[in-house]
Amino acid sequence: INKFDAKYGPTYLVLDALQKLFYTSDAARESFVDLCEEKYVQQVTFDSYLYKTVQGNNPIGDVALLGKTLSSLYKNNTSKPAPMRELV
């Protein structure tokens, strides 16, 4: 199990952090949806699944993503939620 943890532990650590951050409230989930539209997020996600390890070796992209994450969390936590849509 130590070999598995050494190889895949960082991946599960990142996934756990994402779950704890983005699945705590509706506003946080909306922020997650906002971020999933980013090309950088899609590329890092694809590469991570492809290579079976957490990717993202672009520090500038990571810092930009952090800024967008904080901005989105602020926006979604301070604005009034959109009204519920009705099924017709």
N, C-alpha and C. Protein backbone atom coordinates (compact mmCIF):
# COMPACT_ATOMS: atom_id res chain seq x y z
N ILE A 1 0.82 -1.20 0.00
CA ILE A 1 0.00 0.00 0.00
C ILE A 1 0.86 1.26 0.00
N ASN A 2 2.08 1.17 0.52
CA ASN A 2 2.96 2.33 0.54
C ASN A 2 3.34 2.78 -0.87
N LYS A 3 3.54 1.82 -1.77
CA LYS A 3 3.86 2.17 -3.16
C LYS A 3 2.69 2.89 -3.80
N PHE A 4 1.47 2.40 -3.52
CA PHE A 4 0.26 3.02 -4.08
C PHE A 4 0.11 4.45 -3.54
N ASP A 5 0.27 4.59 -2.23
CA ASP A 5 0.16 5.93 -1.61
C ASP A 5 1.21 6.89 -2.16
N ALA A 6 2.42 6.39 -2.35
CA ALA A 6 3.48 7.26 -2.86
C ALA A 6 3.18 7.71 -4.29
N LYS A 7 2.58 6.80 -5.06
CA LYS A 7 2.31 7.11 -6.46
C LYS A 7 1.04 7.95 -6.65
N TYR A 8 -0.03 7.60 -5.93
CA TYR A 8 -1.32 8.24 -6.17
C TYR A 8 -1.79 9.14 -5.03
N GLY A 9 -1.05 9.19 -3.95
CA GLY A 9 -1.44 10.01 -2.81
C GLY A 9 -1.68 11.47 -3.15
N PRO A 10 -0.77 12.11 -3.90
CA PRO A 10 -1.00 13.53 -4.25
C PRO A 10 -2.29 13.74 -5.04
N THR A 11 -2.64 12.79 -5.90
CA THR A 11 -3.88 12.91 -6.67
C THR A 11 -5.08 12.94 -5.75
N TYR A 12 -5.11 12.01 -4.79
CA TYR A 12 -6.23 11.96 -3.86
C TYR A 12 -6.24 13.15 -2.91
N LEU A 13 -5.09 13.67 -2.59
CA LEU A 13 -5.02 14.86 -1.75
C LEU A 13 -5.65 16.06 -2.47
N VAL A 14 -5.35 16.22 -3.76
CA VAL A 14 -5.94 17.31 -4.54
C VAL A 14 -7.45 17.12 -4.68
N LEU A 15 -7.88 15.90 -4.99
CA LEU A 15 -9.32 15.65 -5.13
C LEU A 15 -10.06 15.89 -3.82
N ASP A 16 -9.46 15.51 -2.70
CA ASP A 16 -10.07 15.75 -1.39
C ASP A 16 -10.18 17.25 -1.10
N ALA A 17 -9.13 18.00 -1.42
CA ALA A 17 -9.16 19.45 -1.21
C ALA A 17 -10.24 20.10 -2.07
N LEU A 18 -10.36 19.68 -3.33
CA LEU A 18 -11.39 20.22 -4.21
C LEU A 18 -12.79 19.93 -3.67
N GLN A 19 -12.98 18.71 -3.19
CA GLN A 19 -14.28 18.34 -2.65
C GLN A 19 -14.62 19.17 -1.41
N LYS A 20 -13.65 19.35 -0.54
CA LYS A 20 -13.90 20.12 0.68
C LYS A 20 -14.15 21.59 0.38
N LEU A 21 -13.54 22.11 -0.66
CA LEU A 21 -13.71 23.52 -1.01
C LEU A 21 -15.00 23.77 -1.79
N PHE A 22 -15.27 22.95 -2.79
CA PHE A 22 -16.34 23.26 -3.73
C PHE A 22 -17.66 22.54 -3.48
N TYR A 23 -17.73 21.64 -2.53
CA TYR A 23 -18.99 20.93 -2.29
C TYR A 23 -19.55 21.22 -0.91
N THR A 24 -19.32 22.44 -0.44
CA THR A 24 -19.80 22.81 0.89
C THR A 24 -21.04 23.68 0.86
N SER A 25 -21.33 24.32 -0.28
CA SER A 25 -22.49 25.19 -0.38
C SER A 25 -22.87 25.35 -1.85
N ASP A 26 -24.06 25.89 -2.08
CA ASP A 26 -24.48 26.14 -3.45
C ASP A 26 -23.58 27.17 -4.13
N ALA A 27 -23.17 28.20 -3.39
CA ALA A 27 -22.29 29.22 -3.96
C ALA A 27 -20.96 28.61 -4.37
N ALA A 28 -20.43 27.71 -3.56
CA ALA A 28 -19.16 27.07 -3.88
C ALA A 28 -19.31 26.17 -5.11
N ARG A 29 -20.45 25.48 -5.22
CA ARG A 29 -20.68 24.63 -6.40
C ARG A 29 -20.79 25.49 -7.67
N GLU A 30 -21.41 26.66 -7.55
CA GLU A 30 -21.49 27.56 -8.69
C GLU A 30 -20.09 28.03 -9.11
N SER A 31 -19.24 28.26 -8.14
CA SER A 31 -17.85 28.64 -8.45
C SER A 31 -17.14 27.52 -9.17
N PHE A 32 -17.39 26.29 -8.76
CA PHE A 32 -16.78 25.14 -9.41
C PHE A 32 -17.22 25.06 -10.88
N VAL A 33 -18.50 25.31 -11.12
CA VAL A 33 -19.01 25.31 -12.49
C VAL A 33 -18.33 26.41 -13.31
N ASP A 34 -18.17 27.59 -12.70
CA ASP A 34 -17.47 28.69 -13.39
C ASP A 34 -16.06 28.27 -13.80
N LEU A 35 -15.36 27.62 -12.89
CA LEU A 35 -13.97 27.25 -13.16
C LEU A 35 -13.85 26.13 -14.20
N CYS A 36 -14.85 25.26 -14.24
CA CYS A 36 -14.80 24.16 -15.21
C CYS A 36 -14.89 24.66 -16.64
N GLU A 37 -15.34 25.90 -16.83
CA GLU A 37 -15.40 26.47 -18.17
C GLU A 37 -14.04 26.94 -18.66
N GLU A 38 -13.06 27.05 -17.76
CA GLU A 38 -11.73 27.55 -18.12
C GLU A 38 -10.96 26.51 -18.93
N LYS A 39 -10.36 26.94 -20.02
CA LYS A 39 -9.56 26.04 -20.87
C LYS A 39 -8.41 25.41 -20.08
N TYR A 40 -7.78 26.21 -19.21
CA TYR A 40 -6.65 25.69 -18.42
C TYR A 40 -7.11 24.54 -17.51
N VAL A 41 -8.26 24.69 -16.88
CA VAL A 41 -8.79 23.63 -16.00
C VAL A 41 -9.08 22.38 -16.82
N GLN A 42 -9.67 22.55 -17.97
CA GLN A 42 -9.98 21.40 -18.82
C GLN A 42 -8.71 20.68 -19.26
N GLN A 43 -7.67 21.44 -19.61
CA GLN A 43 -6.41 20.83 -20.05
C GLN A 43 -5.72 20.08 -18.91
N VAL A 44 -5.67 20.70 -17.74
CA VAL A 44 -5.04 20.06 -16.58
C VAL A 44 -5.81 18.80 -16.18
N THR A 45 -7.13 18.87 -16.23
CA THR A 45 -7.96 17.70 -15.90
C THR A 45 -7.70 16.57 -16.88
N PHE A 46 -7.71 16.88 -18.16
CA PHE A 46 -7.47 15.87 -19.18
C PHE A 46 -6.08 15.24 -19.01
N ASP A 47 -5.07 16.09 -18.85
CA ASP A 47 -3.70 15.58 -18.70
C ASP A 47 -3.56 14.74 -17.43
N SER A 48 -4.22 15.14 -16.36
CA SER A 48 -4.14 14.39 -15.11
C SER A 48 -4.74 13.00 -15.27
N TYR A 49 -5.88 12.91 -15.94
CA TYR A 49 -6.47 11.59 -16.18
C TYR A 49 -5.61 10.78 -17.14
N LEU A 50 -5.09 11.44 -18.16
CA LEU A 50 -4.29 10.74 -19.16
C LEU A 50 -3.03 10.14 -18.55
N TYR A 51 -2.33 10.93 -17.72
CA TYR A 51 -1.05 10.48 -17.16
C TYR A 51 -1.17 9.91 -15.76
N LYS A 52 -2.40 9.83 -15.22
CA LYS A 52 -2.68 9.23 -13.92
C LYS A 52 -1.92 9.89 -12.78
N THR A 53 -1.67 11.18 -12.91
CA THR A 53 -1.03 11.94 -11.84
C THR A 53 -1.45 13.40 -12.00
N VAL A 54 -1.40 14.13 -10.91
CA VAL A 54 -1.82 15.53 -10.95
C VAL A 54 -0.86 16.31 -11.83
N GLN A 55 -1.40 16.99 -12.83
CA GLN A 55 -0.61 17.80 -13.73
C GLN A 55 -0.77 19.26 -13.33
N GLY A 56 -0.27 20.15 -14.11
CA GLY A 56 -0.39 21.57 -13.83
C GLY A 56 0.98 22.17 -13.57
N ASN A 57 1.89 21.91 -14.45
CA ASN A 57 3.26 22.38 -14.27
C ASN A 57 3.46 23.78 -14.85
N ASN A 58 2.41 24.59 -14.78
CA ASN A 58 2.47 25.95 -15.29
C ASN A 58 2.18 26.90 -14.12
N PRO A 59 3.20 27.37 -13.42
CA PRO A 59 2.97 28.21 -12.24
C PRO A 59 2.15 29.46 -12.55
N ILE A 60 2.33 30.05 -13.72
CA ILE A 60 1.56 31.24 -14.07
C ILE A 60 0.08 30.87 -14.23
N GLY A 61 -0.18 29.77 -14.89
CA GLY A 61 -1.56 29.30 -15.04
C GLY A 61 -2.18 28.95 -13.70
N ASP A 62 -1.38 28.36 -12.80
CA ASP A 62 -1.88 28.01 -11.47
C ASP A 62 -2.23 29.25 -10.66
N VAL A 63 -1.38 30.27 -10.73
CA VAL A 63 -1.65 31.53 -10.01
C VAL A 63 -2.88 32.22 -10.59
N ALA A 64 -3.00 32.22 -11.92
CA ALA A 64 -4.17 32.81 -12.55
C ALA A 64 -5.44 32.06 -12.14
N LEU A 65 -5.34 30.75 -12.07
CA LEU A 65 -6.49 29.94 -11.64
C LEU A 65 -6.85 30.24 -10.18
N LEU A 66 -5.85 30.41 -9.34
CA LEU A 66 -6.11 30.76 -7.94
C LEU A 66 -6.86 32.09 -7.86
N GLY A 67 -6.44 33.07 -8.64
CA GLY A 67 -7.13 34.36 -8.67
C GLY A 67 -8.57 34.23 -9.13
N LYS A 68 -8.78 33.45 -10.19
CA LYS A 68 -10.14 33.24 -10.69
C LYS A 68 -10.99 32.48 -9.68
N THR A 69 -10.38 31.52 -8.97
CA THR A 69 -11.09 30.77 -7.95
C THR A 69 -11.55 31.70 -6.83
N LEU A 70 -10.64 32.50 -6.31
CA LEU A 70 -10.99 33.41 -5.22
C LEU A 70 -12.04 34.43 -5.68
N SER A 71 -11.88 34.94 -6.89
CA SER A 71 -12.84 35.90 -7.44
C SER A 71 -14.22 35.27 -7.57
N SER A 72 -14.27 34.06 -8.10
CA SER A 72 -15.54 33.38 -8.29
C SER A 72 -16.20 33.05 -6.95
N LEU A 73 -15.41 32.59 -5.99
CA LEU A 73 -15.97 32.30 -4.67
C LEU A 73 -16.52 33.57 -4.02
N TYR A 74 -15.81 34.67 -4.15
CA TYR A 74 -16.28 35.94 -3.60
C TYR A 74 -17.58 36.36 -4.28
N LYS A 75 -17.58 36.31 -5.60
CA LYS A 75 -18.76 36.73 -6.36
C LYS A 75 -19.99 35.89 -5.99
N ASN A 76 -19.82 34.58 -5.95
CA ASN A 76 -20.96 33.70 -5.69
C ASN A 76 -21.40 33.69 -4.24
N ASN A 77 -20.52 34.07 -3.33
CA ASN A 77 -20.90 34.12 -1.92
C ASN A 77 -21.49 35.47 -1.52
N THR A 78 -21.28 36.49 -2.32
CA THR A 78 -21.79 37.82 -1.96
C THR A 78 -22.98 38.26 -2.81
N SER A 79 -23.25 37.58 -3.90
CA SER A 79 -24.38 37.98 -4.75
C SER A 79 -25.61 37.16 -4.41
N LYS A 80 -26.75 37.71 -4.76
CA LYS A 80 -28.02 37.04 -4.53
C LYS A 80 -28.15 35.88 -5.53
N PRO A 81 -28.56 34.70 -5.07
CA PRO A 81 -28.70 33.57 -6.00
C PRO A 81 -29.75 33.85 -7.06
N ALA A 82 -29.55 33.29 -8.21
CA ALA A 82 -30.52 33.40 -9.29
C ALA A 82 -31.79 32.65 -8.90
N PRO A 83 -32.94 33.11 -9.35
CA PRO A 83 -34.18 32.40 -9.00
C PRO A 83 -34.20 31.00 -9.60
N MET A 84 -34.91 30.13 -8.93
CA MET A 84 -35.03 28.75 -9.41
C MET A 84 -35.81 28.75 -10.72
N ARG A 85 -35.38 27.93 -11.65
CA ARG A 85 -36.10 27.79 -12.90
C ARG A 85 -37.21 26.77 -12.73
N GLU A 86 -38.29 26.98 -13.44
CA GLU A 86 -39.41 26.04 -13.39
C GLU A 86 -39.41 25.17 -14.63
N LEU A 87 -39.69 23.92 -14.43
CA LEU A 87 -39.83 23.02 -15.56
C LEU A 87 -41.20 23.24 -16.19
N VAL A 88 -41.23 23.30 -17.47
CA VAL A 88 -42.50 23.56 -18.16
C VAL A 88 -42.99 22.31 -18.83
